[in-house]
Amino acid sequence: PTRRSSDLPELNVLVAQRAQMGGALMAGQVYRDYAVAGATMAAASLNMIPPQWPSAKAANPDIKTVIMDGGGNDVLINNPQCKAAGSQNDATCKMVVNNTVMAVGNLIADFKKTGVHDLIYFFYPHAPTGGDDISDYAFGILQNSAKVLSDANFRMYAISSVQDFTGHADYFYIDGIHANATGEGVIADEIWKVMKDNCIAQPASSGCCAM
């Protein structure tokens, strides 16, 4: 996943804490983290998400589960005009989303080729700084992709944090974009719930699968 802020708890650590409590990880174990703050999916930037995958494969070519987000910074950093209401109907903003979706599709194709079994893609809440319409538009495409791309050997789960964050301005960091420590915990809870409910990276003692 792309890291939200350097002074907040890292999401992989929060998910790992839940996995430790659930018996899926031993005490002290964490999940590998390749997140880079401010990374984009398709829009040109100093840090981009797609190159993180080759690094992960090189470190461990037997990755079975990927947890990630991505696409929000393509708007926030490179196309802030798309934060406006109604931007889901703007041709340029739709192209930004389509380019992002294509980049995600290319990643997923390689996930499958590499042998990844499960992809958990968590998406963004409605932030106080705007961008709700284009975010909802992008998530709709992501949900459809999860249905189309999932098969007997690969499962994709699209998680929205909109409902969990609605009415909770207290879940956001002072910048009005990133989740604060409480919000990060809420997202970690949602990710762990998907992992538990769908037997992702669970121990043999769970009765459903082996790690």
C-alpha atoms as a PDB file:
ATOM      1  CA  PRO A   1       0.000   0.000   0.000  1.00  0.00           C
ATOM      2  CA  THR A   2       1.035   3.604  -0.343  1.00  0.00           C
ATOM      3  CA  ARG A   3       1.974   5.017   3.034  1.00  0.00           C
ATOM      4  CA  ARG A   4      -0.197   7.903   4.144  1.00  0.00           C
ATOM      5  CA  SER A   5       2.080   9.947   6.421  1.00  0.00           C
ATOM      6  CA  SER A   6       5.512   9.389   7.899  1.00  0.00           C
ATOM      7  CA  ASP A   7       4.446  10.264  11.463  1.00  0.00           C
ATOM      8  CA  LEU A   8       1.476   7.871  11.553  1.00  0.00           C
ATOM      9  CA  PRO A   9       1.518   4.150  12.346  1.00  0.00           C
ATOM     10  CA  GLU A  10       2.292   2.125   9.236  1.00  0.00           C
ATOM     11  CA  LEU A  11      -0.715   0.189   7.996  1.00  0.00           C
ATOM     12  CA  ASN A  12       1.216  -3.052   7.490  1.00  0.00           C
ATOM     13  CA  VAL A  13       2.185  -2.941  11.174  1.00  0.00           C
ATOM     14  CA  LEU A  14      -1.440  -2.399  12.235  1.00  0.00           C
ATOM     15  CA  VAL A  15      -2.665  -5.292  10.085  1.00  0.00           C
ATOM     16  CA  ALA A  16       0.183  -7.451  11.409  1.00  0.00           C
ATOM     17  CA  GLN A  17      -0.861  -6.660  14.976  1.00  0.00           C
ATOM     18  CA  ARG A  18      -4.331  -7.977  14.210  1.00  0.00           C
ATOM     19  CA  ALA A  19      -2.842 -11.040  12.533  1.00  0.00           C
ATOM     20  CA  GLN A  20      -0.698 -11.700  15.624  1.00  0.00           C
ATOM     21  CA  MET A  21      -3.741 -11.474  17.877  1.00  0.00           C
ATOM     22  CA  GLY A  22      -5.610 -13.784  15.495  1.00  0.00           C
ATOM     23  CA  GLY A  23      -2.836 -16.348  15.413  1.00  0.00           C
ATOM     24  CA  ALA A  24      -1.937 -15.801  11.759  1.00  0.00           C
ATOM     25  CA  LEU A  25       1.485 -14.346  12.619  1.00  0.00           C
ATOM     26  CA  MET A  26       3.854 -15.042  15.480  1.00  0.00           C
ATOM     27  CA  ALA A  27       4.774 -12.255  17.887  1.00  0.00           C
ATOM     28  CA  GLY A  28       7.265  -9.916  16.255  1.00  0.00           C
ATOM     29  CA  GLN A  29       6.407 -10.947  12.703  1.00  0.00           C
ATOM     30  CA  VAL A  30       5.216  -8.309  10.232  1.00  0.00           C
ATOM     31  CA  TYR A  31       4.198  -8.226   6.596  1.00  0.00           C
ATOM     32  CA  ARG A  32       6.672  -6.957   4.000  1.00  0.00           C
ATOM     33  CA  ASP A  33       6.110  -3.305   3.147  1.00  0.00           C
ATOM     34  CA  TYR A  34       7.058  -1.608  -0.122  1.00  0.00           C
ATOM     35  CA  ALA A  35       4.909   1.484   0.344  1.00  0.00           C
ATOM     36  CA  VAL A  36       6.265   4.908  -0.596  1.00  0.00           C
ATOM     37  CA  ALA A  37       4.617   8.132   0.541  1.00  0.00           C
ATOM     38  CA  GLY A  38       2.989  10.190  -2.218  1.00  0.00           C
ATOM     39  CA  ALA A  39       3.244   7.461  -4.850  1.00  0.00           C
ATOM     40  CA  THR A  40       1.049   7.575  -7.957  1.00  0.00           C
ATOM     41  CA  MET A  41      -0.333   4.737 -10.038  1.00  0.00           C
ATOM     42  CA  ALA A  42      -0.121   6.083 -13.598  1.00  0.00           C
ATOM     43  CA  ALA A  43       0.555   9.819 -13.389  1.00  0.00           C
ATOM     44  CA  ALA A  44       4.256  10.613 -13.712  1.00  0.00           C
ATOM     45  CA  SER A  45       5.889  11.339 -10.356  1.00  0.00           C
ATOM     46  CA  LEU A  46       9.116  10.771  -8.487  1.00  0.00           C
ATOM     47  CA  ASN A  47       7.571   7.724  -6.803  1.00  0.00           C
ATOM     48  CA  MET A  48       5.201   5.396  -8.624  1.00  0.00           C
ATOM     49  CA  ILE A  49       3.462   2.228  -7.441  1.00  0.00           C
ATOM     50  CA  PRO A  50       4.050  -0.171 -10.387  1.00  0.00           C
ATOM     51  CA  PRO A  51       7.859  -0.314  -9.877  1.00  0.00           C
ATOM     52  CA  GLN A  52       7.277  -1.452  -6.273  1.00  0.00           C
ATOM     53  CA  TRP A  53       6.094  -4.835  -7.566  1.00  0.00           C
ATOM     54  CA  PRO A  54       9.354  -5.928  -9.275  1.00  0.00           C
ATOM     55  CA  SER A  55      11.191  -5.108  -6.046  1.00  0.00           C
ATOM     56  CA  ALA A  56       8.751  -7.239  -4.079  1.00  0.00           C
ATOM     57  CA  LYS A  57       9.081 -10.155  -6.526  1.00  0.00           C
ATOM     58  CA  ALA A  58      12.849  -9.983  -6.458  1.00  0.00           C
ATOM     59  CA  ALA A  59      12.839 -10.181  -2.662  1.00  0.00           C
ATOM     60  CA  ASN A  60      10.354 -13.067  -2.600  1.00  0.00           C
ATOM     61  CA  PRO A  61       9.087 -14.653  -5.849  1.00  0.00           C
ATOM     62  CA  ASP A  62       6.507 -16.740  -3.958  1.00  0.00           C
ATOM     63  CA  ILE A  63       4.139 -13.950  -2.885  1.00  0.00           C
ATOM     64  CA  LYS A  64       0.560 -15.209  -2.511  1.00  0.00           C
ATOM     65  CA  THR A  65      -1.211 -12.158  -1.065  1.00  0.00           C
ATOM     66  CA  VAL A  66      -0.988  -8.475  -2.006  1.00  0.00           C
ATOM     67  CA  ILE A  67      -2.592  -5.663   0.019  1.00  0.00           C
ATOM     68  CA  MET A  68      -2.545  -2.254  -1.632  1.00  0.00           C
ATOM     69  CA  ASP A  69      -4.240   0.999  -2.488  1.00  0.00           C
ATOM     70  CA  GLY A  70      -3.416   3.476  -5.227  1.00  0.00           C
ATOM     71  CA  GLY A  71      -4.842   6.030  -7.617  1.00  0.00           C
ATOM     72  CA  GLY A  72      -5.749   8.790  -5.201  1.00  0.00           C
ATOM     73  CA  ASN A  73      -2.510  10.688  -5.678  1.00  0.00           C
ATOM     74  CA  ASP A  74      -2.986  10.630  -9.455  1.00  0.00           C
ATOM     75  CA  VAL A  75      -5.732  13.172  -8.742  1.00  0.00           C
ATOM     76  CA  LEU A  76      -4.435  14.882  -5.603  1.00  0.00           C
ATOM     77  CA  ILE A  77      -0.927  15.531  -6.910  1.00  0.00           C
ATOM     78  CA  ASN A  78      -1.195  15.667 -10.693  1.00  0.00           C
ATOM     79  CA  ASN A  79      -4.837  16.566 -11.371  1.00  0.00           C
ATOM     80  CA  PRO A  80      -6.279  18.509  -8.412  1.00  0.00           C
ATOM     81  CA  GLN A  81      -8.936  20.019 -10.702  1.00  0.00           C
ATOM     82  CA  CYS A  82     -10.609  16.597 -10.589  1.00  0.00           C
ATOM     83  CA  LYS A  83     -11.416  17.064  -6.908  1.00  0.00           C
ATOM     84  CA  ALA A  84     -14.320  19.308  -7.930  1.00  0.00           C
ATOM     85  CA  ALA A  85     -17.910  18.106  -7.667  1.00  0.00           C
ATOM     86  CA  GLY A  86     -19.146  16.490 -10.877  1.00  0.00           C
ATOM     87  CA  SER A  87     -15.643  15.659 -12.086  1.00  0.00           C
ATOM     88  CA  GLN A  88     -16.746  12.096 -12.843  1.00  0.00           C
ATOM     89  CA  ASN A  89     -18.376  13.609 -15.949  1.00  0.00           C
ATOM     90  CA  ASP A  90     -15.265  15.501 -17.057  1.00  0.00           C
ATOM     91  CA  ALA A  91     -13.484  13.813 -19.979  1.00  0.00           C
ATOM     92  CA  THR A  92     -10.003  14.671 -18.714  1.00  0.00           C
ATOM     93  CA  CYS A  93     -10.750  13.394 -15.205  1.00  0.00           C
ATOM     94  CA  LYS A  94     -12.275  10.210 -16.595  1.00  0.00           C
ATOM     95  CA  MET A  95      -9.091   9.703 -18.591  1.00  0.00           C
ATOM     96  CA  VAL A  96      -7.026  10.094 -15.410  1.00  0.00           C
ATOM     97  CA  VAL A  97      -9.074   7.290 -13.841  1.00  0.00           C
ATOM     98  CA  ASN A  98      -8.900   5.148 -16.978  1.00  0.00           C
ATOM     99  CA  ASN A  99      -5.112   5.483 -17.100  1.00  0.00           C
ATOM    100  CA  THR A 100      -4.959   4.472 -13.464  1.00  0.00           C
ATOM    101  CA  VAL A 101      -7.217   1.482 -14.070  1.00  0.00           C
ATOM    102  CA  MET A 102      -5.032   0.376 -16.991  1.00  0.00           C
ATOM    103  CA  ALA A 103      -1.937   0.533 -14.782  1.00  0.00           C
ATOM    104  CA  VAL A 104      -3.725  -1.493 -12.110  1.00  0.00           C
ATOM    105  CA  GLY A 105      -4.794  -3.998 -14.758  1.00  0.00           C
ATOM    106  CA  ASN A 106      -1.207  -4.449 -15.896  1.00  0.00           C
ATOM    107  CA  LEU A 107      -0.140  -5.064 -12.306  1.00  0.00           C
ATOM    108  CA  ILE A 108      -2.893  -7.600 -11.777  1.00  0.00           C
ATOM    109  CA  ALA A 109      -1.941  -9.463 -14.949  1.00  0.00           C
ATOM    110  CA  ASP A 110       1.555  -9.880 -13.564  1.00  0.00           C
ATOM    111  CA  PHE A 111       0.208 -10.777 -10.107  1.00  0.00           C
ATOM    112  CA  LYS A 112      -1.629 -13.664 -11.734  1.00  0.00           C
ATOM    113  CA  LYS A 113       1.369 -14.682 -13.814  1.00  0.00           C
ATOM    114  CA  THR A 114       3.549 -14.681 -10.690  1.00  0.00           C
ATOM    115  CA  GLY A 115       1.132 -16.837  -8.707  1.00  0.00           C
ATOM    116  CA  VAL A 116      -0.566 -14.338  -6.409  1.00  0.00           C
ATOM    117  CA  HIS A 117      -3.798 -15.868  -5.074  1.00  0.00           C
ATOM    118  CA  ASP A 118      -5.411 -12.899  -3.313  1.00  0.00           C
ATOM    119  CA  LEU A 119      -5.433  -9.142  -3.873  1.00  0.00           C
ATOM    120  CA  ILE A 120      -6.980  -6.850  -1.263  1.00  0.00           C
ATOM    121  CA  TYR A 121      -7.369  -3.364  -2.758  1.00  0.00           C
ATOM    122  CA  PHE A 122      -8.561  -0.838  -0.177  1.00  0.00           C
ATOM    123  CA  PHE A 123      -9.864   2.479  -1.430  1.00  0.00           C
ATOM    124  CA  TYR A 124     -10.306   5.977  -0.095  1.00  0.00           C
ATOM    125  CA  PRO A 125     -12.856   7.605   2.225  1.00  0.00           C
ATOM    126  CA  HIS A 126     -14.567  10.880   1.360  1.00  0.00           C
ATOM    127  CA  ALA A 127     -11.931  13.348   2.508  1.00  0.00           C
ATOM    128  CA  PRO A 128     -12.767  16.828   3.829  1.00  0.00           C
ATOM    129  CA  THR A 129     -10.649  18.344   1.048  1.00  0.00           C
ATOM    130  CA  GLY A 130     -12.950  17.031  -1.692  1.00  0.00           C
ATOM    131  CA  GLY A 131     -12.750  14.568  -4.567  1.00  0.00           C
ATOM    132  CA  ASP A 132     -15.737  12.426  -3.560  1.00  0.00           C
ATOM    133  CA  ASP A 133     -17.282  12.158  -7.025  1.00  0.00           C
ATOM    134  CA  ILE A 134     -14.179  11.098  -8.919  1.00  0.00           C
ATOM    135  CA  SER A 135     -13.222   8.714  -6.108  1.00  0.00           C
ATOM    136  CA  ASP A 136     -16.650   7.049  -6.193  1.00  0.00           C
ATOM    137  CA  TYR A 137     -16.422   6.788  -9.976  1.00  0.00           C
ATOM    138  CA  ALA A 138     -13.022   5.098  -9.710  1.00  0.00           C
ATOM    139  CA  PHE A 139     -14.180   2.730  -6.983  1.00  0.00           C
ATOM    140  CA  GLY A 140     -17.117   1.604  -9.095  1.00  0.00           C
ATOM    141  CA  ILE A 141     -14.698   0.556 -11.822  1.00  0.00           C
ATOM    142  CA  LEU A 142     -12.493  -1.133  -9.238  1.00  0.00           C
ATOM    143  CA  GLN A 143     -15.454  -3.120  -7.901  1.00  0.00           C
ATOM    144  CA  ASN A 144     -16.333  -4.273 -11.388  1.00  0.00           C
ATOM    145  CA  SER A 145     -12.726  -5.248 -12.029  1.00  0.00           C
ATOM    146  CA  ALA A 146     -12.787  -7.380  -8.884  1.00  0.00           C
ATOM    147  CA  LYS A 147     -15.768  -9.298 -10.260  1.00  0.00           C
ATOM    148  CA  VAL A 148     -14.371  -9.676 -13.767  1.00  0.00           C
ATOM    149  CA  LEU A 149     -10.797 -10.589 -12.840  1.00  0.00           C
ATOM    150  CA  SER A 150     -11.504 -13.018 -10.010  1.00  0.00           C
ATOM    151  CA  ASP A 151     -11.436 -16.679 -10.947  1.00  0.00           C
ATOM    152  CA  ALA A 152     -10.684 -20.084  -9.444  1.00  0.00           C
ATOM    153  CA  ASN A 153      -7.011 -19.224  -8.937  1.00  0.00           C
ATOM    154  CA  PHE A 154      -7.165 -15.500  -8.176  1.00  0.00           C
ATOM    155  CA  ARG A 155      -9.460 -13.495  -5.931  1.00  0.00           C
ATOM    156  CA  MET A 156      -9.653  -9.711  -5.817  1.00  0.00           C
ATOM    157  CA  TYR A 157     -11.412  -7.828  -3.025  1.00  0.00           C
ATOM    158  CA  ALA A 158     -12.247  -4.120  -3.332  1.00  0.00           C
ATOM    159  CA  ILE A 159     -12.733  -2.407   0.042  1.00  0.00           C
ATOM    160  CA  SER A 160     -14.324   1.023   0.393  1.00  0.00           C
ATOM    161  CA  SER A 161     -13.692   3.013   3.560  1.00  0.00           C
ATOM    162  CA  VAL A 162     -16.401   5.592   2.761  1.00  0.00           C
ATOM    163  CA  GLN A 163     -19.065   4.146   5.037  1.00  0.00           C
ATOM    164  CA  ASP A 164     -16.696   3.652   7.972  1.00  0.00           C
ATOM    165  CA  PHE A 165     -15.457   7.241   7.743  1.00  0.00           C
ATOM    166  CA  THR A 166     -18.808   8.943   7.115  1.00  0.00           C
ATOM    167  CA  GLY A 167     -19.586  11.245  10.050  1.00  0.00           C
ATOM    168  CA  HIS A 168     -16.103  10.753  11.473  1.00  0.00           C
ATOM    169  CA  ALA A 169     -14.058  13.851  10.764  1.00  0.00           C
ATOM    170  CA  ASP A 170     -12.074  12.687  13.791  1.00  0.00           C
ATOM    171  CA  TYR A 171     -10.639   9.832  11.675  1.00  0.00           C
ATOM    172  CA  PHE A 172      -8.680  12.259   9.499  1.00  0.00           C
ATOM    173  CA  TYR A 173      -5.225  13.730   9.984  1.00  0.00           C
ATOM    174  CA  ILE A 174      -4.930  17.521  10.239  1.00  0.00           C
ATOM    175  CA  ASP A 175      -4.233  17.788   6.486  1.00  0.00           C
ATOM    176  CA  GLY A 176      -7.805  16.694   5.730  1.00  0.00           C
ATOM    177  CA  ILE A 177      -6.575  13.997   3.339  1.00  0.00           C
ATOM    178  CA  HIS A 178      -4.864  11.205   5.226  1.00  0.00           C
ATOM    179  CA  ALA A 179      -6.349   9.008   7.927  1.00  0.00           C
ATOM    180  CA  ASN A 180      -4.994   9.641  11.419  1.00  0.00           C
ATOM    181  CA  ALA A 181      -3.986   6.859  13.809  1.00  0.00           C
ATOM    182  CA  THR A 182      -7.624   6.080  14.624  1.00  0.00           C
ATOM    183  CA  GLY A 183      -8.595   6.055  10.953  1.00  0.00           C
ATOM    184  CA  GLU A 184      -5.643   3.844  10.082  1.00  0.00           C
ATOM    185  CA  GLY A 185      -6.868   1.405  12.701  1.00  0.00           C
ATOM    186  CA  VAL A 186     -10.335   1.370  11.125  1.00  0.00           C
ATOM    187  CA  ILE A 187      -8.835   0.559   7.717  1.00  0.00           C
ATOM    188  CA  ALA A 188      -6.657  -2.145   9.264  1.00  0.00           C
ATOM    189  CA  ASP A 189      -9.769  -3.659  10.866  1.00  0.00           C
ATOM    190  CA  GLU A 190     -11.505  -3.793   7.478  1.00  0.00           C
ATOM    191  CA  ILE A 191      -8.496  -5.418   5.812  1.00  0.00           C
ATOM    192  CA  TRP A 192      -8.170  -7.996   8.581  1.00  0.00           C
ATOM    193  CA  LYS A 193     -11.901  -8.768   8.389  1.00  0.00           C
ATOM    194  CA  VAL A 194     -11.584  -9.554   4.668  1.00  0.00           C
ATOM    195  CA  MET A 195      -8.577 -11.743   5.402  1.00  0.00           C
ATOM    196  CA  LYS A 196     -10.426 -13.640   8.127  1.00  0.00           C
ATOM    197  CA  ASP A 197     -13.727 -13.953   6.280  1.00  0.00           C
ATOM    198  CA  ASN A 198     -12.074 -15.231   3.111  1.00  0.00           C
ATOM    199  CA  CYS A 199      -9.328 -17.327   4.706  1.00  0.00           C
ATOM    200  CA  ILE A 200      -6.468 -15.234   3.350  1.00  0.00           C
ATOM    201  CA  ALA A 201      -3.030 -15.922   4.846  1.00  0.00           C
ATOM    202  CA  GLN A 202      -4.564 -17.799   7.768  1.00  0.00           C
ATOM    203  CA  PRO A 203      -2.834 -20.568   9.745  1.00  0.00           C
ATOM    204  CA  ALA A 204      -3.688 -24.244   9.379  1.00  0.00           C
ATOM    205  CA  SER A 205      -5.245 -24.083  12.854  1.00  0.00           C
ATOM    206  CA  SER A 206      -7.976 -21.849  11.411  1.00  0.00           C
ATOM    207  CA  GLY A 207      -9.420 -24.961   9.788  1.00  0.00           C
ATOM    208  CA  CYS A 208      -9.706 -23.364   6.362  1.00  0.00           C
ATOM    209  CA  CYS A 209      -6.238 -23.097   4.885  1.00  0.00           C
ATOM    210  CA  ALA A 210      -2.488 -22.961   5.533  1.00  0.00           C
ATOM    211  CA  MET A 211      -0.319 -19.859   5.378  1.00  0.00           C
END
